[in-house]
């Protein structure tokens, strides 16, 4: 039961963080472009990152396909690690804190997903002994 709550709380917070970021990319486009430029990234990544963030949230929440959901988790992990690294390398370590918090949420969500979802992920712990409480 605790794993079930842990999954839904961590997943909701992670998805909320990602959706807030995507909305910020749309609403404050010039500010985001300047921030990405300061980190050494080109501005044309803004629409790509916006859609990727929205699609990752959709894949994790809807879980239409377990493999796609696991791929979204992997993409989120790489994105967050690269984001934190970019902030640290630009000598702005405070900017890496949201990414670090999101990594913690992502790990909690991924590790507890089999307790809350009907179709288990083969990569999450407990996949072999998975049973959903009904």
N, C-alpha and C. Protein backbone atom coordinates (compact mmCIF):
# COMPACT_ATOMS: atom_id res chain seq x y z
N UNK A 1 0.82 -1.19 0.00
CA UNK A 1 0.00 0.00 0.00
C UNK A 1 0.87 1.26 0.00
N UNK A 2 1.94 1.26 0.79
CA UNK A 2 2.83 2.43 0.83
C UNK A 2 3.50 2.63 -0.52
N UNK A 3 3.88 1.52 -1.18
CA UNK A 3 4.50 1.64 -2.51
C UNK A 3 3.52 2.24 -3.51
N UNK A 4 2.26 1.88 -3.38
CA UNK A 4 1.24 2.42 -4.27
C UNK A 4 1.14 3.94 -4.11
N UNK A 5 1.06 4.41 -2.87
CA UNK A 5 1.02 5.85 -2.62
C UNK A 5 2.32 6.53 -3.05
N UNK A 6 3.44 5.89 -2.79
CA UNK A 6 4.74 6.44 -3.19
C UNK A 6 4.79 6.63 -4.70
N UNK A 7 4.29 5.63 -5.41
CA UNK A 7 4.29 5.72 -6.88
C UNK A 7 3.46 6.92 -7.35
N UNK A 8 2.22 7.00 -6.89
CA UNK A 8 1.34 8.04 -7.40
C UNK A 8 1.78 9.43 -6.98
N UNK A 9 2.29 9.58 -5.77
CA UNK A 9 2.75 10.90 -5.32
C UNK A 9 4.00 11.32 -6.09
N UNK A 10 4.98 10.42 -6.20
CA UNK A 10 6.22 10.78 -6.91
C UNK A 10 5.95 11.00 -8.39
N UNK A 11 5.08 10.19 -8.98
CA UNK A 11 4.76 10.35 -10.40
C UNK A 11 4.01 11.66 -10.64
N UNK A 12 3.06 11.97 -9.77
CA UNK A 12 2.32 13.23 -9.92
C UNK A 12 3.24 14.43 -9.81
N UNK A 13 4.14 14.42 -8.83
CA UNK A 13 5.06 15.55 -8.66
C UNK A 13 6.03 15.66 -9.83
N UNK A 14 6.55 14.53 -10.29
CA UNK A 14 7.46 14.53 -11.44
C UNK A 14 6.76 15.07 -12.68
N UNK A 15 5.55 14.59 -12.93
CA UNK A 15 4.81 15.04 -14.11
C UNK A 15 4.41 16.51 -13.99
N UNK A 16 4.06 16.94 -12.79
CA UNK A 16 3.75 18.35 -12.57
C UNK A 16 4.97 19.22 -12.86
N UNK A 17 6.13 18.79 -12.42
CA UNK A 17 7.37 19.52 -12.69
C UNK A 17 7.64 19.60 -14.18
N UNK A 18 7.46 18.49 -14.87
CA UNK A 18 7.70 18.48 -16.32
C UNK A 18 6.69 19.34 -17.07
N UNK A 19 5.43 19.28 -16.67
CA UNK A 19 4.42 20.09 -17.35
C UNK A 19 4.62 21.58 -17.05
N UNK A 20 5.02 21.92 -15.83
CA UNK A 20 5.31 23.32 -15.50
C UNK A 20 6.46 23.83 -16.36
N UNK A 21 7.45 22.98 -16.55
CA UNK A 21 8.59 23.35 -17.39
C UNK A 21 8.14 23.56 -18.84
N UNK A 22 7.31 22.67 -19.35
CA UNK A 22 6.82 22.81 -20.73
C UNK A 22 6.00 24.09 -20.89
N UNK A 23 5.17 24.40 -19.91
CA UNK A 23 4.36 25.63 -19.97
C UNK A 23 5.29 26.85 -19.92
N UNK A 24 6.31 26.80 -19.09
CA UNK A 24 7.27 27.90 -19.02
C UNK A 24 7.96 28.10 -20.37
N UNK A 25 8.29 27.00 -21.05
CA UNK A 25 8.92 27.09 -22.37
C UNK A 25 8.02 27.81 -23.37
N UNK A 26 6.71 27.66 -23.22
CA UNK A 26 5.76 28.29 -24.14
C UNK A 26 5.49 29.74 -23.74
N UNK A 27 5.26 29.97 -22.45
CA UNK A 27 4.85 31.29 -21.97
C UNK A 27 6.02 32.28 -21.92
N UNK A 28 7.16 31.82 -21.48
CA UNK A 28 8.32 32.70 -21.34
C UNK A 28 9.42 32.29 -22.32
N UNK A 29 9.05 32.20 -23.58
CA UNK A 29 9.93 31.69 -24.62
C UNK A 29 11.26 32.47 -24.71
N UNK A 30 11.21 33.79 -24.68
CA UNK A 30 12.44 34.59 -24.79
C UNK A 30 13.36 34.37 -23.61
N UNK A 31 12.79 34.32 -22.41
CA UNK A 31 13.59 34.07 -21.21
C UNK A 31 14.24 32.69 -21.27
N UNK A 32 13.48 31.70 -21.73
CA UNK A 32 14.02 30.33 -21.84
C UNK A 32 15.11 30.29 -22.90
N UNK A 33 14.90 30.98 -24.02
CA UNK A 33 15.92 31.02 -25.08
C UNK A 33 17.23 31.60 -24.55
N UNK A 34 17.13 32.68 -23.76
CA UNK A 34 18.32 33.30 -23.20
C UNK A 34 18.99 32.34 -22.20
N UNK A 35 18.19 31.68 -21.37
CA UNK A 35 18.74 30.75 -20.38
C UNK A 35 19.44 29.58 -21.06
N UNK A 36 18.83 29.04 -22.11
CA UNK A 36 19.47 27.94 -22.84
C UNK A 36 20.75 28.38 -23.53
N UNK A 37 20.73 29.59 -24.07
CA UNK A 37 21.93 30.13 -24.72
C UNK A 37 23.07 30.29 -23.71
N UNK A 38 22.74 30.74 -22.51
CA UNK A 38 23.76 30.88 -21.46
C UNK A 38 24.34 29.53 -21.06
N UNK A 39 23.55 28.46 -21.22
CA UNK A 39 24.04 27.12 -20.91
C UNK A 39 24.75 26.48 -22.09
N UNK A 40 24.75 27.17 -23.23
CA UNK A 40 25.46 26.67 -24.39
C UNK A 40 24.61 25.87 -25.36
N UNK A 41 23.29 25.98 -25.24
CA UNK A 41 22.40 25.24 -26.14
C UNK A 41 21.73 26.19 -27.12
N UNK A 42 21.42 25.72 -28.33
CA UNK A 42 20.76 26.58 -29.32
C UNK A 42 19.27 26.76 -29.01
N UNK A 43 18.73 27.88 -29.42
CA UNK A 43 17.34 28.21 -29.15
C UNK A 43 16.34 27.32 -29.87
N UNK A 44 16.77 26.68 -30.96
CA UNK A 44 15.82 25.84 -31.69
C UNK A 44 15.43 24.58 -30.92
N UNK A 45 16.05 24.33 -29.78
CA UNK A 45 15.68 23.18 -28.96
C UNK A 45 14.39 23.40 -28.17
N UNK A 46 13.97 24.64 -28.04
CA UNK A 46 12.79 24.95 -27.21
C UNK A 46 11.54 24.20 -27.65
N UNK A 47 11.13 24.27 -28.92
CA UNK A 47 9.92 23.52 -29.28
C UNK A 47 10.10 22.01 -29.17
N UNK A 48 11.29 21.53 -29.47
CA UNK A 48 11.56 20.09 -29.36
C UNK A 48 11.44 19.64 -27.91
N UNK A 49 12.09 20.37 -27.01
CA UNK A 49 12.03 20.01 -25.59
C UNK A 49 10.62 20.14 -25.04
N UNK A 50 9.88 21.13 -25.51
CA UNK A 50 8.50 21.30 -25.05
C UNK A 50 7.68 20.06 -25.38
N UNK A 51 7.72 19.63 -26.63
CA UNK A 51 6.94 18.46 -27.05
C UNK A 51 7.44 17.18 -26.40
N UNK A 52 8.74 17.04 -26.27
CA UNK A 52 9.29 15.83 -25.64
C UNK A 52 8.84 15.73 -24.19
N UNK A 53 8.82 16.85 -23.48
CA UNK A 53 8.37 16.83 -22.08
C UNK A 53 6.90 16.46 -21.97
N UNK A 54 6.07 17.02 -22.84
CA UNK A 54 4.65 16.71 -22.82
C UNK A 54 4.41 15.24 -23.17
N UNK A 55 5.10 14.75 -24.19
CA UNK A 55 4.93 13.36 -24.60
C UNK A 55 5.46 12.38 -23.55
N UNK A 56 6.54 12.74 -22.85
CA UNK A 56 7.06 11.88 -21.79
C UNK A 56 6.05 11.75 -20.66
N UNK A 57 5.44 12.85 -20.28
CA UNK A 57 4.41 12.82 -19.24
C UNK A 57 3.24 11.96 -19.70
N UNK A 58 2.81 12.14 -20.93
CA UNK A 58 1.69 11.35 -21.46
C UNK A 58 2.01 9.87 -21.45
N UNK A 59 3.23 9.51 -21.82
CA UNK A 59 3.62 8.09 -21.86
C UNK A 59 3.66 7.47 -20.47
N UNK A 60 4.16 8.23 -19.49
CA UNK A 60 4.26 7.70 -18.13
C UNK A 60 2.88 7.60 -17.48
N UNK A 61 2.06 8.63 -17.64
CA UNK A 61 0.76 8.65 -16.98
C UNK A 61 -0.22 7.67 -17.63
N UNK A 62 -0.29 7.68 -18.94
CA UNK A 62 -1.26 6.82 -19.63
C UNK A 62 -0.83 5.36 -19.64
N UNK A 63 0.44 5.15 -19.76
CA UNK A 63 1.04 3.81 -19.79
C UNK A 63 0.28 2.91 -20.77
N UNK A 64 0.06 3.43 -21.95
CA UNK A 64 -0.59 2.66 -23.01
C UNK A 64 0.28 1.46 -23.37
N UNK A 65 1.58 1.67 -23.33
CA UNK A 65 2.54 0.63 -23.67
C UNK A 65 3.64 0.67 -22.61
N UNK A 66 3.93 -0.46 -21.98
CA UNK A 66 4.93 -0.51 -20.91
C UNK A 66 6.31 -0.15 -21.45
N UNK A 67 6.66 -0.64 -22.62
CA UNK A 67 7.97 -0.34 -23.20
C UNK A 67 8.11 1.16 -23.48
N UNK A 68 7.06 1.78 -23.97
CA UNK A 68 7.09 3.22 -24.22
C UNK A 68 7.21 4.01 -22.93
N UNK A 69 6.52 3.55 -21.90
CA UNK A 69 6.60 4.19 -20.59
C UNK A 69 8.03 4.09 -20.04
N UNK A 70 8.63 2.90 -20.14
CA UNK A 70 10.00 2.73 -19.68
C UNK A 70 10.98 3.57 -20.49
N UNK A 71 10.72 3.71 -21.78
CA UNK A 71 11.55 4.56 -22.62
C UNK A 71 11.43 6.02 -22.20
N UNK A 72 10.21 6.43 -21.83
CA UNK A 72 10.01 7.80 -21.35
C UNK A 72 10.77 8.04 -20.06
N UNK A 73 10.75 7.05 -19.15
CA UNK A 73 11.53 7.17 -17.92
C UNK A 73 13.02 7.34 -18.25
N UNK A 74 13.52 6.54 -19.18
CA UNK A 74 14.94 6.63 -19.55
C UNK A 74 15.26 8.00 -20.15
N UNK A 75 14.38 8.48 -21.03
CA UNK A 75 14.60 9.79 -21.63
C UNK A 75 14.59 10.90 -20.59
N UNK A 76 13.66 10.80 -19.63
CA UNK A 76 13.60 11.79 -18.56
C UNK A 76 14.89 11.76 -17.74
N UNK A 77 15.38 10.56 -17.45
CA UNK A 77 16.61 10.45 -16.66
C UNK A 77 17.77 11.12 -17.39
N UNK A 78 17.94 10.81 -18.67
CA UNK A 78 19.02 11.43 -19.44
C UNK A 78 18.85 12.94 -19.50
N UNK A 79 17.64 13.40 -19.73
CA UNK A 79 17.39 14.83 -19.79
C UNK A 79 17.76 15.52 -18.48
N UNK A 80 17.34 14.92 -17.36
CA UNK A 80 17.62 15.53 -16.06
C UNK A 80 19.11 15.52 -15.74
N UNK A 81 19.79 14.44 -16.07
CA UNK A 81 21.24 14.38 -15.82
C UNK A 81 21.98 15.40 -16.68
N UNK A 82 21.58 15.53 -17.93
CA UNK A 82 22.21 16.51 -18.81
C UNK A 82 21.90 17.94 -18.38
N UNK A 83 20.69 18.16 -17.90
CA UNK A 83 20.31 19.48 -17.41
C UNK A 83 21.16 19.87 -16.19
N UNK A 84 21.26 18.95 -15.25
CA UNK A 84 22.08 19.22 -14.06
C UNK A 84 23.52 19.46 -14.44
N UNK A 85 24.04 18.64 -15.35
CA UNK A 85 25.42 18.79 -15.79
C UNK A 85 25.65 20.13 -16.49
N UNK A 86 24.71 20.56 -17.31
CA UNK A 86 24.85 21.84 -18.01
C UNK A 86 24.90 22.99 -17.02
N UNK A 87 24.07 22.95 -15.99
CA UNK A 87 24.09 24.02 -14.99
C UNK A 87 25.39 24.02 -14.20
N UNK A 88 25.86 22.86 -13.83
CA UNK A 88 27.12 22.79 -13.08
C UNK A 88 28.28 23.27 -13.95
N UNK A 89 28.31 22.85 -15.22
CA UNK A 89 29.39 23.25 -16.12
C UNK A 89 29.35 24.75 -16.44
N UNK A 90 28.18 25.36 -16.37
CA UNK A 90 28.06 26.81 -16.60
C UNK A 90 28.29 27.60 -15.32
N UNK A 91 28.74 26.90 -14.30
CA UNK A 91 29.00 27.50 -12.98
C UNK A 91 27.75 28.14 -12.37
N UNK A 92 26.62 27.44 -12.55
CA UNK A 92 25.35 27.84 -11.96
C UNK A 92 24.75 26.62 -11.26
N UNK A 93 25.43 26.15 -10.20
CA UNK A 93 24.98 24.91 -9.57
C UNK A 93 23.59 24.99 -8.95
N UNK A 94 23.13 26.18 -8.61
CA UNK A 94 21.79 26.32 -8.06
C UNK A 94 20.72 25.92 -9.06
N UNK A 95 21.01 26.08 -10.34
CA UNK A 95 20.08 25.70 -11.39
C UNK A 95 19.92 24.20 -11.52
N UNK A 96 20.86 23.44 -10.94
CA UNK A 96 20.81 21.98 -11.02
C UNK A 96 19.90 21.38 -9.94
N UNK A 97 19.49 22.17 -8.96
CA UNK A 97 18.67 21.64 -7.87
C UNK A 97 17.31 21.09 -8.32
N UNK A 98 16.57 21.78 -9.21
CA UNK A 98 15.31 21.18 -9.66
C UNK A 98 15.53 19.85 -10.38
N UNK A 99 16.59 19.75 -11.16
CA UNK A 99 16.88 18.50 -11.85
C UNK A 99 17.23 17.40 -10.86
N UNK A 100 17.99 17.74 -9.82
CA UNK A 100 18.33 16.75 -8.80
C UNK A 100 17.09 16.27 -8.06
N UNK A 101 16.20 17.19 -7.74
CA UNK A 101 14.95 16.80 -7.07
C UNK A 101 14.10 15.93 -7.98
N UNK A 102 14.07 16.27 -9.26
CA UNK A 102 13.29 15.48 -10.22
C UNK A 102 13.87 14.08 -10.39
N UNK A 103 15.20 13.95 -10.32
CA UNK A 103 15.82 12.62 -10.41
C UNK A 103 15.37 11.75 -9.24
N UNK A 104 15.30 12.33 -8.06
CA UNK A 104 14.82 11.58 -6.89
C UNK A 104 13.37 11.14 -7.11
N UNK A 105 12.53 12.03 -7.60
CA UNK A 105 11.13 11.69 -7.89
C UNK A 105 11.04 10.62 -8.97
N UNK A 106 11.86 10.75 -10.00
CA UNK A 106 11.86 9.78 -11.09
C UNK A 106 12.25 8.39 -10.60
N UNK A 107 13.28 8.31 -9.79
CA UNK A 107 13.72 7.02 -9.25
C UNK A 107 12.62 6.41 -8.38
N UNK A 108 12.01 7.22 -7.54
CA UNK A 108 10.93 6.71 -6.69
C UNK A 108 9.76 6.22 -7.54
N UNK A 109 9.41 6.96 -8.56
CA UNK A 109 8.31 6.57 -9.43
C UNK A 109 8.63 5.27 -10.16
N UNK A 110 9.81 5.19 -10.73
CA UNK A 110 10.19 4.00 -11.49
C UNK A 110 10.28 2.76 -10.61
N UNK A 111 10.85 2.92 -9.43
CA UNK A 111 11.07 1.76 -8.55
C UNK A 111 9.76 1.23 -7.95
N UNK A 112 8.73 2.05 -7.88
CA UNK A 112 7.48 1.62 -7.26
C UNK A 112 6.35 1.40 -8.27
N UNK A 113 6.64 1.54 -9.54
CA UNK A 113 5.57 1.45 -10.55
C UNK A 113 4.89 0.09 -10.60
N UNK A 114 5.60 -0.98 -10.34
CA UNK A 114 4.98 -2.30 -10.42
C UNK A 114 3.98 -2.55 -9.31
N UNK A 115 4.10 -1.82 -8.22
CA UNK A 115 3.14 -1.96 -7.12
C UNK A 115 1.81 -1.30 -7.44
N UNK A 116 1.83 -0.32 -8.35
CA UNK A 116 0.63 0.46 -8.62
C UNK A 116 0.01 0.19 -9.99
N UNK A 117 0.75 -0.43 -10.87
CA UNK A 117 0.26 -0.63 -12.22
C UNK A 117 -0.08 -2.10 -12.47
N UNK A 118 -1.09 -2.31 -13.29
CA UNK A 118 -1.55 -3.68 -13.54
C UNK A 118 -0.55 -4.48 -14.38
N UNK A 119 -0.01 -3.87 -15.42
CA UNK A 119 0.98 -4.55 -16.26
C UNK A 119 2.36 -4.15 -15.76
N UNK A 120 3.16 -5.11 -15.28
CA UNK A 120 4.45 -4.76 -14.70
C UNK A 120 5.51 -4.42 -15.74
N UNK A 121 6.43 -3.59 -15.33
CA UNK A 121 7.60 -3.30 -16.15
C UNK A 121 8.63 -4.38 -15.87
N UNK A 122 9.24 -4.95 -16.90
CA UNK A 122 10.24 -5.99 -16.66
C UNK A 122 11.54 -5.43 -16.08
N UNK A 123 11.70 -4.12 -16.11
CA UNK A 123 12.94 -3.51 -15.64
C UNK A 123 12.86 -2.98 -14.21
N UNK A 124 11.67 -2.83 -13.68
CA UNK A 124 11.50 -2.33 -12.32
C UNK A 124 11.60 -3.49 -11.34
N UNK A 125 11.99 -3.20 -10.10
CA UNK A 125 12.11 -4.26 -9.09
C UNK A 125 10.77 -4.95 -8.84
N UNK A 126 10.84 -6.23 -8.56
CA UNK A 126 9.63 -6.98 -8.23
C UNK A 126 8.81 -7.39 -9.43
N UNK A 127 9.36 -7.30 -10.63
CA UNK A 127 8.59 -7.64 -11.83
C UNK A 127 8.22 -9.12 -11.85
N UNK A 128 9.09 -9.97 -11.34
CA UNK A 128 8.82 -11.41 -11.38
C UNK A 128 7.73 -11.81 -10.40
N UNK A 129 7.58 -11.08 -9.31
CA UNK A 129 6.60 -11.43 -8.27
C UNK A 129 5.45 -10.44 -8.22
N UNK A 130 5.20 -9.78 -9.32
CA UNK A 130 4.19 -8.71 -9.37
C UNK A 130 2.77 -9.26 -9.19
N UNK A 131 2.03 -8.62 -8.29
CA UNK A 131 0.60 -8.86 -8.15
C UNK A 131 -0.03 -7.55 -7.71
N UNK A 132 -1.06 -7.16 -8.42
CA UNK A 132 -1.76 -5.93 -8.08
C UNK A 132 -2.85 -6.26 -7.09
N UNK A 133 -2.91 -5.52 -5.98
CA UNK A 133 -3.97 -5.71 -4.99
C UNK A 133 -5.28 -5.17 -5.56
N UNK A 134 -6.31 -5.95 -5.48
CA UNK A 134 -7.60 -5.53 -6.03
C UNK A 134 -8.61 -5.38 -4.96
